[in-house]
Amino acid sequence: MVDFCPECSNLLRKRTMNGEAYIVCRCGYTRKIEDNDEDLEKDALKKKKALEKNLIILSKEDKIPVNPIVDKYCPKCGHKKAEAWQEQTRSADESSTSFFRCLKCKHTWREY
């Protein structure tokens, strides 16, 4: 957990002094860290519940496309939809290369 100094709003850092753990700031603010096992267990349980609520599991087949989908005929299977993106594969003064990936068979091809 990240803590900030109540006096100057800087980030507090953990330091060990005389065998005890403290949170200190450059301005001189110091606070002793109290190890409370009950609070640590509550924090761990909160994190676990948050991860369970937001966890998304995808297989390779369920990949969410991030590139735009265009109307393009696949040269391999003839499907009409493909993902499209462009990359600069040659020098900067030449046009970029357009790549396409069929949504059905995953065949990838390029057009200059």
Protein backbone atom coordinates (compact mmCIF):
# COMPACT_ATOMS: atom_id res chain seq x y z
CA MET A 1 0.00 0.00 0.00
CA VAL A 2 1.25 3.49 -0.81
CA ASP A 3 1.20 6.12 1.92
CA PHE A 4 1.76 9.84 1.62
CA CYS A 5 3.07 12.29 4.19
CA PRO A 6 0.27 14.21 5.96
CA GLU A 7 2.53 17.26 6.30
CA CYS A 8 4.09 17.70 2.82
CA SER A 9 2.26 15.10 0.65
CA ASN A 10 5.48 13.36 -0.45
CA LEU A 11 5.69 9.59 -0.83
CA LEU A 12 6.54 7.82 2.44
CA ARG A 13 9.35 5.23 2.39
CA LYS A 14 9.88 2.21 4.63
CA ARG A 15 13.01 2.29 6.81
CA THR A 16 14.34 0.08 9.59
CA MET A 17 15.75 1.88 12.62
CA ASN A 18 16.93 0.07 15.73
CA GLY A 19 15.34 -3.16 14.50
CA GLU A 20 11.86 -1.63 14.13
CA ALA A 21 10.06 -0.70 10.92
CA TYR A 22 9.11 2.92 10.28
CA ILE A 23 7.61 4.96 7.46
CA VAL A 24 9.62 8.14 6.98
CA CYS A 25 9.53 11.27 4.82
CA ARG A 26 12.21 13.71 3.69
CA CYS A 27 10.54 16.48 5.70
CA GLY A 28 11.18 14.59 8.95
CA TYR A 29 7.77 12.96 9.49
CA THR A 30 8.10 9.45 10.98
CA ARG A 31 5.50 6.84 11.87
CA LYS A 32 6.07 3.37 13.31
CA ILE A 33 4.62 0.49 11.30
CA GLU A 34 2.36 -1.68 13.41
CA ASP A 35 2.29 -5.30 12.23
CA ASN A 36 -1.28 -6.37 12.74
CA ASP A 37 -1.89 -9.85 11.31
CA GLU A 38 -5.65 -9.33 11.31
CA ASP A 39 -5.38 -6.24 9.09
CA LEU A 40 -3.00 -8.04 6.72
CA GLU A 41 -5.46 -10.93 6.35
CA LYS A 42 -8.32 -8.48 5.63
CA ASP A 43 -6.24 -6.71 2.96
CA ALA A 44 -5.32 -10.02 1.32
CA LEU A 45 -8.97 -11.09 1.28
CA LYS A 46 -10.04 -7.75 -0.28
CA LYS A 47 -7.42 -8.13 -3.02
CA LYS A 48 -8.49 -11.71 -3.72
CA LYS A 49 -12.17 -10.71 -4.01
CA ALA A 50 -11.32 -7.81 -6.32
CA LEU A 51 -9.31 -10.08 -8.59
CA GLU A 52 -12.11 -12.64 -8.72
CA LYS A 53 -14.59 -9.97 -9.80
CA ASN A 54 -12.35 -8.55 -12.55
CA LEU A 55 -10.65 -11.71 -13.82
CA ILE A 56 -11.14 -12.50 -17.52
CA ILE A 57 -9.85 -15.78 -18.92
CA LEU A 58 -9.50 -16.13 -22.68
CA SER A 59 -8.35 -19.05 -24.75
CA LYS A 60 -6.38 -18.52 -27.94
CA GLU A 61 -9.58 -18.94 -29.97
CA ASP A 62 -11.41 -16.29 -27.90
CA LYS A 63 -8.81 -13.59 -28.59
CA ILE A 64 -10.40 -10.15 -28.64
CA PRO A 65 -9.36 -8.34 -31.83
CA VAL A 66 -7.78 -4.96 -31.18
CA ASN A 67 -7.36 -4.06 -34.85
CA PRO A 68 -10.22 -2.79 -37.01
CA ILE A 69 -12.24 -5.36 -38.95
CA VAL A 70 -12.52 -4.70 -42.69
CA ASP A 71 -14.23 -6.30 -45.68
CA LYS A 72 -11.43 -8.25 -47.38
CA TYR A 73 -11.51 -11.63 -49.13
CA CYS A 74 -9.10 -14.16 -47.65
CA PRO A 75 -6.94 -15.67 -50.43
CA LYS A 76 -6.83 -18.99 -48.55
CA CYS A 77 -10.44 -19.70 -47.48
CA GLY A 78 -12.47 -16.94 -49.18
CA HIS A 79 -13.91 -15.53 -45.94
CA LYS A 80 -15.06 -11.90 -46.29
CA LYS A 81 -13.83 -10.34 -42.99
CA ALA A 82 -10.30 -9.69 -41.76
CA GLU A 83 -8.39 -7.71 -39.14
CA ALA A 84 -6.28 -4.92 -40.64
CA TRP A 85 -3.21 -2.98 -39.51
CA GLN A 86 -0.34 -1.07 -41.08
CA GLU A 87 3.39 -1.10 -40.40
CA GLN A 88 6.27 0.90 -41.77
CA THR A 89 8.45 -1.91 -43.19
CA ARG A 90 10.54 0.16 -45.61
CA SER A 91 12.11 3.60 -45.43
CA ALA A 92 10.10 6.52 -44.08
CA ASP A 93 9.58 8.19 -47.45
CA GLU A 94 7.75 5.12 -48.87
CA SER A 95 4.21 4.06 -48.10
CA SER A 96 3.45 1.68 -45.24
CA THR A 97 2.57 -2.00 -45.71
CA SER A 98 -1.01 -3.11 -44.97
CA PHE A 99 -1.42 -6.44 -43.20
CA PHE A 100 -4.61 -8.49 -42.97
CA ARG A 101 -5.55 -11.54 -40.85
CA CYS A 102 -8.59 -13.63 -41.73
CA LEU A 103 -11.04 -13.92 -38.84
CA LYS A 104 -11.98 -17.48 -39.84
CA CYS A 105 -8.74 -19.33 -40.70
CA LYS A 106 -6.20 -16.81 -39.19
CA HIS A 107 -4.25 -16.65 -42.48
CA THR A 108 -2.15 -13.46 -42.61
CA TRP A 109 -1.16 -11.64 -45.81
CA ARG A 110 0.12 -8.23 -46.81
CA GLU A 111 -0.47 -5.65 -49.49
CA TYR A 112 2.01 -2.96 -50.46
